[in-house]
Protein backbone atom coordinates (compact mmCIF):
# COMPACT_ATOMS: atom_id res chain seq x y z
CA HIS A 1 -1.13 -10.08 15.90
CA MET A 2 -0.74 -7.02 14.16
CA GLU A 3 -0.69 -4.81 16.63
CA TYR A 4 2.53 -6.35 18.28
CA ALA A 5 4.45 -4.48 15.94
CA GLY A 6 5.18 -0.92 17.69
CA LEU A 7 3.10 1.03 19.97
CA PRO A 8 -0.37 1.85 19.29
CA GLY A 9 -0.96 4.54 16.88
CA GLU A 10 2.72 5.39 16.67
CA GLY A 11 5.17 5.45 13.53
CA LEU A 12 4.48 3.78 10.57
CA CYS A 13 0.83 1.62 10.54
CA LEU A 14 -0.28 -1.02 8.27
CA GLU A 15 -2.34 1.81 5.62
CA ASP A 16 1.02 3.95 5.87
CA GLY A 17 2.69 0.43 4.40
CA VAL A 18 0.62 -0.09 1.72
CA LYS A 19 0.49 3.52 0.53
CA ILE A 20 4.49 3.62 0.61
CA ALA A 21 4.43 0.33 -1.25
CA LYS A 22 1.78 1.38 -4.13
CA HIS A 23 4.14 4.95 -4.24
CA LEU A 24 7.36 2.82 -4.98
CA ALA A 25 5.42 0.14 -7.34
CA GLY A 26 4.71 3.50 -9.48
CA LYS A 27 7.99 4.54 -9.64
CA GLY A 28 9.12 1.03 -10.74
CA VAL A 29 10.28 -0.68 -8.51
CA ASP A 30 10.70 -4.33 -9.54
CA ALA A 31 9.61 -6.55 -6.29
CA LEU A 32 8.91 -5.81 -2.87
CA ASP A 33 10.15 -7.46 0.68
CA VAL A 34 7.91 -7.05 3.25
CA SER A 35 8.50 -7.33 6.74
CA ALA A 36 8.29 -5.81 10.10
CA GLY A 37 9.93 -3.85 12.98
CA ILE A 38 12.75 -2.04 13.71
CA TYR A 39 15.76 -1.90 16.67
CA GLU A 40 12.92 0.06 18.83
CA THR A 41 10.60 -3.03 18.78
CA MET A 42 13.82 -5.45 18.46
CA ASN A 43 11.27 -8.49 18.81
CA THR A 44 9.12 -8.02 15.98
CA ALA A 45 11.60 -7.49 13.53
CA TRP A 46 13.89 -11.05 14.18
CA GLU A 47 12.05 -13.13 16.29
CA PRO A 48 12.46 -15.26 19.39
CA VAL A 49 11.20 -18.78 19.82
CA GLY A 50 7.77 -17.05 21.14
CA PHE A 51 6.38 -16.21 17.72
CA ASP A 52 4.54 -18.47 15.15
CA GLN A 53 5.35 -18.99 11.87
CA GLY A 54 3.11 -16.65 9.67
CA TRP A 55 2.50 -14.33 12.61
CA LYS A 56 2.96 -11.24 10.51
CA MET A 57 1.89 -12.38 6.75
CA ASN A 58 -1.29 -10.16 6.92
CA GLY A 59 1.55 -7.55 6.31
CA ALA A 60 3.03 -8.70 2.81
CA GLU A 61 -0.84 -9.80 2.07
CA ALA A 62 -2.38 -6.31 2.36
CA VAL A 63 0.67 -5.14 0.36
CA LYS A 64 0.27 -7.68 -2.59
CA LYS A 65 -3.56 -6.62 -2.79
CA ALA A 66 -2.85 -3.12 -3.65
CA VAL A 67 0.42 -3.70 -6.31
CA ARG A 68 1.26 -5.68 -9.26
CA ILE A 69 4.51 -6.39 -8.50
CA PRO A 70 6.16 -9.26 -6.76
CA VAL A 71 5.55 -9.57 -3.19
CA ILE A 72 8.34 -11.38 -0.73
CA ALA A 73 6.89 -11.92 2.63
CA ALA A 74 9.22 -12.81 5.80
CA SER A 75 7.31 -13.80 8.76
CA VAL A 76 9.51 -16.79 10.97
CA ILE A 77 8.65 -19.29 7.83
CA ARG A 78 10.52 -22.40 8.81
CA GLU A 79 8.75 -24.98 7.09
CA PRO A 80 8.15 -25.98 3.55
CA GLY A 81 5.10 -27.14 3.96
CA TYR A 82 3.63 -24.37 5.36
CA ALA A 83 5.60 -21.96 3.08
CA GLU A 84 3.80 -23.46 0.01
CA GLU A 85 0.33 -23.47 1.65
CA VAL A 86 1.43 -19.52 1.75
CA LEU A 87 2.04 -19.28 -1.75
CA LYS A 88 -1.04 -21.53 -3.03
CA GLU A 89 -3.28 -19.07 -1.21
CA GLY A 90 -1.47 -16.15 -2.78
CA LYS A 91 -0.87 -13.97 0.37
CA CYS A 92 2.43 -13.30 -1.61
CA ASP A 93 5.03 -14.63 -4.27
CA PHE A 94 8.21 -15.19 -2.65
CA ILE A 95 9.10 -16.33 0.69
CA GLY A 96 11.80 -14.93 2.25
CA SER A 97 13.92 -16.18 5.43
CA ALA A 98 17.62 -15.48 6.74
CA ARG A 99 17.81 -17.27 10.18
CA ALA A 100 16.37 -20.27 7.88
CA PHE A 101 19.09 -20.78 5.36
CA PHE A 102 21.79 -19.65 8.40
CA ALA A 103 20.55 -23.31 10.40
CA ASP A 104 20.71 -24.74 6.94
CA PRO A 105 22.32 -23.58 3.81
CA ASP A 106 20.83 -26.65 2.24
CA TRP A 107 16.94 -25.75 2.89
CA MET A 108 16.21 -24.61 -0.74
CA ARG A 109 17.85 -27.78 -2.17
CA LYS A 110 15.92 -30.39 0.38
CA ALA A 111 12.93 -28.71 -0.17
CA ARG A 112 12.79 -29.61 -3.81
CA GLU A 113 14.04 -32.68 -3.73
CA GLY A 114 10.90 -33.34 -0.77
CA LYS A 115 13.85 -34.37 2.18
CA GLU A 116 11.99 -31.98 4.34
CA LYS A 117 12.86 -34.41 7.43
CA GLU A 118 16.70 -33.70 6.37
CA ILE A 119 16.19 -29.87 6.76
CA ARG A 120 17.95 -28.66 10.27
CA LYS A 121 14.81 -26.04 10.92
CA CYS A 122 16.31 -22.74 12.84
CA ILE A 123 14.59 -22.81 16.33
CA SER A 124 14.67 -18.96 16.80
CA CYS A 125 16.93 -19.16 19.83
CA LEU A 126 18.53 -15.63 19.00
CA TYR A 127 22.34 -17.24 19.14
CA CYS A 128 23.12 -15.34 16.05
CA MET A 129 21.99 -12.37 16.74
CA GLU A 130 23.09 -12.19 20.31
CA THR A 131 27.06 -13.07 18.72
CA LEU A 132 26.26 -10.33 15.93
CA MET A 133 25.86 -7.52 18.36
CA ALA A 134 28.52 -8.66 20.56
CA ALA A 135 31.19 -9.68 18.03
CA ASP A 136 32.30 -5.86 17.69
CA MET A 137 33.06 -5.89 21.73
CA SER A 138 34.37 -9.45 21.87
CA GLY A 139 36.09 -11.14 19.82
CA THR A 140 33.97 -13.92 19.18
CA PRO A 141 32.54 -14.19 15.23
CA MET A 142 28.91 -14.31 15.14
CA GLY A 143 27.66 -18.41 14.87
CA CYS A 144 24.84 -20.23 14.89
CA ALA A 145 23.99 -22.39 17.71
CA ILE A 146 22.98 -25.33 15.63
CA ASN A 147 24.78 -25.47 12.83
CA PHE A 148 28.55 -25.20 13.69
CA GLN A 149 30.23 -24.79 10.29
CA GLY A 150 27.88 -21.31 9.97
CA CYS A 151 30.47 -18.63 9.74
CA ARG A 152 33.47 -20.75 9.52
CA GLU A 153 32.76 -22.39 6.09
CA ASP A 154 36.33 -21.55 5.28
CA LYS A 155 37.76 -23.96 7.83
CA TYR A 156 34.65 -26.39 8.46
CA SER A 157 32.68 -28.12 5.83
CA ASP A 158 31.61 -31.47 5.27
CA GLU A 159 33.73 -31.66 2.09
CA MET A 160 36.54 -31.07 4.49
CA LEU A 161 35.75 -34.10 7.11
CA LYS A 162 38.88 -36.63 6.77
CA LYS A 163 36.30 -39.79 5.40
CA ASP A 164 39.26 -41.63 7.39
CA GLY A 165 37.23 -43.76 10.11
CA GLU A 166 37.26 -47.14 8.59
CA LYS A 167 34.13 -48.45 10.82
CA ARG A 168 36.40 -48.06 14.21
CA VAL A 169 33.87 -48.12 16.92
CA VAL A 170 33.30 -45.04 18.98
CA ALA A 171 31.43 -45.58 21.95
CA VAL A 172 28.81 -42.07 22.68
CA ILE A 173 27.20 -42.13 26.30
CA GLY A 174 24.03 -39.86 26.00
CA ALA A 175 21.80 -38.69 23.13
CA GLY A 176 21.71 -35.11 23.71
CA PRO A 177 22.38 -32.67 21.27
CA ALA A 178 25.80 -32.92 22.14
CA GLY A 179 26.31 -36.97 21.65
CA MET A 180 24.10 -36.66 18.18
CA GLU A 181 26.13 -34.00 16.67
CA ALA A 182 29.14 -35.84 17.43
CA ALA A 183 27.59 -39.40 16.21
CA ARG A 184 26.42 -37.44 12.80
CA ILE A 185 29.68 -36.54 12.39
CA LEU A 186 31.83 -39.64 13.07
CA ALA A 187 29.71 -41.62 10.87
CA MET A 188 30.21 -39.06 7.94
CA ARG A 189 33.55 -40.05 8.90
CA GLY A 190 33.22 -43.58 8.41
CA PHE A 191 33.63 -44.22 12.15
CA SER A 192 30.69 -46.52 13.53
CA PRO A 193 29.28 -44.79 16.44
CA VAL A 194 27.36 -46.97 19.17
CA VAL A 195 25.30 -44.52 20.94
CA PHE A 196 24.03 -45.30 24.63
CA GLU A 197 21.29 -43.21 25.98
CA LYS A 198 19.43 -43.92 29.20
CA GLN A 199 16.29 -42.53 29.05
CA GLY A 200 13.43 -44.13 26.85
CA GLU A 201 13.85 -40.63 24.11
CA VAL A 202 17.19 -39.14 22.82
CA GLY A 203 17.29 -35.29 23.07
CA GLY A 204 18.68 -35.11 26.55
CA GLN A 205 18.03 -31.51 28.07
CA ILE A 206 16.49 -30.23 24.77
CA ALA A 207 13.46 -33.04 25.35
CA LEU A 208 13.02 -30.77 28.60
CA ALA A 209 13.47 -27.54 27.00
CA SER A 210 11.03 -27.96 24.10
CA LYS A 211 8.11 -28.24 27.22
CA PRO A 212 7.54 -24.97 28.46
CA PRO A 213 4.63 -23.15 26.68
CA LYS A 214 6.00 -21.53 23.16
CA LYS A 215 8.82 -23.77 23.16
CA GLU A 216 7.92 -26.59 20.50
CA LYS A 217 10.71 -25.29 17.88
CA THR A 218 13.08 -26.53 20.34
CA GLY A 219 12.25 -29.61 19.74
CA TRP A 220 13.26 -29.74 15.85
CA LEU A 221 16.74 -30.16 16.92
CA ILE A 222 16.25 -33.42 18.27
CA ASP A 223 13.69 -34.13 15.03
CA TYR A 224 16.70 -33.11 12.78
CA GLN A 225 19.32 -34.90 14.74
CA LYS A 226 17.09 -38.51 15.31
CA TYR A 227 16.41 -38.43 11.75
CA GLN A 228 20.03 -38.16 11.03
CA MET A 229 20.83 -41.08 13.20
CA GLU A 230 18.56 -43.31 11.04
CA LYS A 231 20.01 -41.96 7.80
CA LEU A 232 23.31 -42.68 8.75
CA GLY A 233 22.89 -45.86 10.36
CA VAL A 234 23.84 -45.06 13.25
CA GLU A 235 23.30 -47.34 15.96
CA VAL A 236 21.24 -46.06 19.39
CA ARG A 237 20.57 -48.06 22.10
CA LEU A 238 17.94 -46.20 24.17
CA ASN A 239 16.79 -47.29 28.28
CA LYS A 240 20.59 -48.32 28.17
CA ALA A 241 23.25 -46.83 30.30
CA PRO A 242 26.28 -48.45 29.59
CA THR A 243 28.44 -50.66 32.45
CA LEU A 244 32.06 -50.47 32.47
CA GLU A 245 32.13 -54.31 30.65
CA GLU A 246 29.24 -53.12 27.99
CA LEU A 247 32.23 -50.57 26.46
CA LYS A 248 34.70 -52.66 27.27
CA ALA A 249 33.10 -55.46 24.76
CA LEU A 250 32.92 -52.86 22.42
CA HIS A 251 36.57 -52.62 21.94
CA PRO A 252 36.05 -49.19 21.17
CA TYR A 253 38.98 -46.77 19.70
CA ALA A 254 37.52 -44.16 21.32
CA VAL A 255 34.76 -42.79 24.02
CA PHE A 256 32.99 -40.01 23.75
CA VAL A 257 31.22 -38.94 26.69
CA SER A 258 27.75 -36.64 26.58
CA HIS A 259 26.03 -37.88 29.18
CA GLY A 260 25.02 -34.59 30.36
CA SER A 261 24.35 -32.54 33.42
CA ASN A 262 22.30 -32.63 37.08
CA PRO A 263 20.41 -29.96 38.50
CA ILE A 264 22.62 -28.43 41.63
CA MET A 265 20.86 -28.68 44.77
CA PRO A 266 23.18 -27.18 47.53
CA LYS A 267 23.49 -29.25 50.49
CA SER A 268 24.88 -25.93 52.49
CA ILE A 269 21.05 -24.93 51.84
CA ARG A 270 19.06 -26.61 54.94
CA GLY A 271 16.25 -28.75 54.52
CA ILE A 272 16.75 -28.68 50.51
CA GLY A 273 15.89 -32.01 50.67
CA GLY A 274 12.56 -31.64 51.83
CA ALA A 275 9.28 -33.02 50.45
CA ASN A 276 8.22 -30.22 48.71
CA VAL A 277 11.09 -29.55 47.28
CA TYR A 278 11.35 -30.29 43.66
CA THR A 279 13.83 -29.65 40.38
CA PRO A 280 13.05 -28.11 36.80
CA VAL A 281 13.51 -31.60 35.27
CA GLU A 282 10.72 -33.06 37.84
CA ILE A 283 8.08 -30.33 36.61
CA LEU A 284 9.35 -30.15 32.89
CA ASN A 285 9.68 -33.88 32.07
CA GLY A 286 5.92 -34.37 34.09
CA THR A 287 7.08 -36.40 36.82
CA VAL A 288 5.12 -34.07 39.38
CA THR A 289 2.68 -32.22 38.30
CA LEU A 290 1.56 -28.82 40.34
CA GLU A 291 -1.54 -27.21 39.41
CA ASN A 292 -3.62 -24.85 41.59
CA LYS A 293 -0.53 -24.42 44.17
CA ASN A 294 1.19 -21.48 45.57
CA VAL A 295 4.71 -22.34 44.12
CA ALA A 296 8.04 -20.55 44.71
CA VAL A 297 11.03 -21.25 41.95
CA VAL A 298 14.32 -20.26 43.39
CA GLY A 299 16.52 -19.23 40.47
CA SER A 300 15.72 -16.75 37.42
CA GLY A 301 17.58 -18.12 34.60
CA MET A 302 16.25 -19.13 31.77
CA THR A 303 14.89 -22.78 33.19
CA GLY A 304 13.72 -20.91 35.97
CA ILE A 305 11.85 -18.39 34.06
CA GLU A 306 10.50 -20.96 31.93
CA THR A 307 9.56 -23.42 34.65
CA ALA A 308 7.73 -20.80 36.02
CA GLU A 309 5.82 -19.88 32.78
CA LEU A 310 4.62 -23.55 32.34
CA LEU A 311 3.63 -23.38 36.20
CA GLY A 312 1.17 -20.41 35.89
CA ASP A 313 -0.09 -22.08 32.52
CA ARG A 314 -1.12 -24.73 34.75
CA GLY A 315 -2.75 -22.17 37.29
CA ASN A 316 -0.58 -22.16 40.07
CA LYS A 317 0.44 -18.66 41.72
CA VAL A 318 3.80 -18.51 41.24
CA THR A 319 6.89 -16.22 42.88
CA VAL A 320 10.33 -16.21 41.51
CA PHE A 321 12.96 -15.67 43.96
CA GLU A 322 16.56 -14.07 42.28
CA MET A 323 19.64 -13.48 44.12
CA ALA A 324 21.62 -10.88 42.02
CA ASP A 325 19.94 -7.55 41.14
CA ASP A 326 17.65 -8.50 38.02
CA ILE A 327 15.64 -11.26 36.89
CA GLY A 328 17.22 -13.12 34.39
CA PRO A 329 20.86 -12.90 34.66
CA GLY A 330 22.81 -13.23 31.83
CA ILE A 331 19.85 -14.04 29.52
CA PHE A 332 20.30 -12.25 25.97
CA PHE A 333 17.53 -9.36 26.22
CA GLN A 334 15.09 -10.43 23.21
CA ASN A 335 14.65 -13.51 25.12
CA LEU A 336 14.31 -11.99 28.47
CA ILE A 337 11.85 -9.78 27.10
CA ASP A 338 10.01 -12.51 24.84
CA VAL A 339 9.45 -14.81 27.91
CA MET A 340 8.78 -12.24 30.65
CA GLY A 341 5.92 -11.06 28.42
CA ARG A 342 4.38 -14.17 28.85
CA VAL A 343 5.22 -14.58 32.78
CA SER A 344 3.60 -11.54 33.55
CA THR A 345 0.20 -12.12 32.04
CA HIS A 346 0.17 -14.85 34.92
CA GLY A 347 0.62 -11.81 37.70
CA THR A 348 3.79 -13.89 38.60
CA LYS A 349 5.55 -11.82 41.79
CA LEU A 350 9.12 -11.43 41.41
CA TYR A 351 11.59 -11.06 44.12
CA PRO A 352 15.44 -10.31 42.74
CA LYS A 353 18.10 -9.52 45.88
CA HIS A 354 16.78 -12.55 47.66
CA ARG A 355 18.88 -15.32 48.73
CA LEU A 356 17.64 -18.54 49.53
CA VAL A 357 18.82 -19.73 52.94
CA GLU A 358 16.71 -22.42 54.38
CA ILE A 359 13.83 -24.48 53.53
CA ASP A 360 11.61 -26.01 56.78
CA GLY A 361 8.64 -28.31 55.08
CA THR A 362 6.68 -25.29 53.40
CA THR A 363 8.13 -22.39 54.65
CA ALA A 364 11.42 -20.88 52.52
CA ALA A 365 13.95 -18.30 54.15
CA PHE A 366 15.30 -15.84 52.18
CA GLU A 367 17.95 -13.37 53.20
CA ASN A 368 17.94 -9.57 51.24
CA THR A 369 20.60 -9.08 49.90
CA GLU A 370 20.31 -5.47 49.93
CA THR A 371 19.49 -5.37 53.62
CA LYS A 372 21.04 -8.48 54.66
CA GLU A 373 17.70 -9.18 56.77
CA GLN A 374 15.77 -12.33 56.55
CA GLU A 375 12.29 -12.71 55.39
CA ARG A 376 10.04 -15.85 55.51
CA PHE A 377 7.30 -17.06 53.13
CA ASN A 378 4.83 -19.72 53.09
CA PHE A 379 4.84 -21.90 49.49
CA ASP A 380 2.72 -25.56 48.95
CA ALA A 381 5.77 -26.58 46.80
CA ILE A 382 9.27 -25.17 46.20
CA VAL A 383 11.45 -25.55 42.77
CA VAL A 384 15.02 -24.98 42.93
CA SER A 385 16.32 -23.74 39.37
CA LEU A 386 19.82 -23.07 40.68
CA GLY A 387 21.72 -24.34 37.77
CA THR A 388 23.24 -27.45 36.57
CA SER A 389 26.90 -29.01 37.32
CA SER A 390 28.59 -32.00 34.76
CA ASN A 391 27.47 -35.14 35.21
CA THR A 392 30.91 -36.80 36.57
CA GLU A 393 29.61 -40.57 36.62
CA LEU A 394 32.31 -42.94 36.04
CA LYS A 395 34.77 -40.45 35.13
CA GLU A 396 37.80 -41.71 37.01
CA GLU A 397 37.01 -45.34 35.52
CA LEU A 398 36.44 -44.39 31.92
CA ASP A 399 39.96 -42.12 32.07
CA LYS A 400 41.97 -45.28 33.37
CA GLU A 401 40.14 -47.59 30.86
CA PHE A 402 40.39 -46.04 27.84
CA GLU A 403 43.24 -44.34 25.75
CA ARG A 404 40.67 -42.13 23.75
CA VAL A 405 38.20 -40.33 26.37
CA VAL A 406 36.46 -37.28 25.05
CA TYR A 407 34.09 -35.22 26.68
CA LEU A 408 31.67 -33.03 25.22
CA GLY A 409 28.32 -30.87 26.09
CA ASP A 410 27.49 -30.39 29.69
CA ALA A 411 29.60 -33.71 30.63
CA LYS A 412 32.62 -30.96 29.68
CA GLN A 413 30.98 -28.03 30.93
CA ALA A 414 27.43 -27.02 31.84
CA GLY A 415 26.32 -24.83 29.04
CA ARG A 416 23.60 -23.89 26.15
CA ILE A 417 22.66 -25.65 23.04
CA GLU A 418 25.28 -23.97 20.69
CA ASN A 419 28.20 -25.07 23.54
CA ALA A 420 26.45 -29.19 23.08
CA VAL A 421 26.50 -28.79 19.37
CA ARG A 422 30.07 -26.99 18.91
CA THR A 423 31.88 -29.76 21.28
CA GLY A 424 30.09 -32.27 19.24
CA TYR A 425 30.88 -31.42 15.95
CA LEU A 426 34.97 -30.50 17.15
CA ALA A 427 35.62 -33.62 19.01
CA ALA A 428 34.35 -35.79 16.14
CA ALA A 429 36.01 -33.82 13.57
CA GLN A 430 39.51 -33.92 15.20
CA LEU A 431 38.95 -37.46 16.40
CA ASN A 432 42.71 -38.97 15.34
């Protein structure tokens, strides 16, 4: 994949890198840290989720063959098993990473002790880069989406958690990233969390987010959280949406509500309840399988684009419509470049500035936001991806019945992984 690092025939090539390495070794340098990519080739320097572990190892390998000093290699290395393999093959002498240790500062200790399952592996979501770049302008410090303590170690650490739970029961409704993070921290504080999950598996939206192509790493967060539940002995009741009676029977000290969000399907759009209209959830969880069809995806947020990519991979002819002036509004540019690079290989058509007005069977009518004219298109299927809104089920009853009811993640406000983990952590850490 080395050709991805930069432009063919432009700038420094691998041969140049090897020459420079030899020169430096001759000048008495102690070790060489080999990577690739600069600000202009952003995604090859700090990679989004679409890059595989070890994709640029051949750079380090070529340098190692040419010099006699230790070579350090960085290449999205996340798993101790993989790191060990690369070292055994003699491709480099040391493994380098930055994000791996931001997501889990104990990565090395856990690897050494053979506790690989306990590692909170970086999912390459680039929240760190996004916040780092915004930090100058926004006052929001840099952070890690899956490790709330990252960059906040002075205020939040495992040692600082009050250990005053005294086995008091806390009901947690929903085992997505917010609910499981809350349960983890509650258990560490000595509470007895009981987690209810209406699906047959934990993970919530993340279980769906890991389904599009090249998104498997996102599922690592669920693996980590699931293992934490087992290790801490947290009771998780699957296939169980609790009734008010079941919750009352627990006599909970508090109820944490983390039952997520639902796709927005605006009733104002005529025909949106039609037989050929689907939500991204139905496509991603496999309830609906579309193959070799002509499909529209309405809405180009991350979910919309990733759903379009999945559909394209299955041989569908895909057209993406977006009301905003540009495709992918609000998506961090590195992630947008990454996913759009793959979407474009399917010949996906893109229509920004198009607002869905109505659906009539297999015909979708859009208003061009510039010309205000209506345009009609025919499709076999229409996938509506216009965001999500908090699930408000049981809200009134819960607020009335229990003294301490806390909303987390999407149930509080529809957001991203960072929002889920942060609200889960804080709700559990601050419960008094």
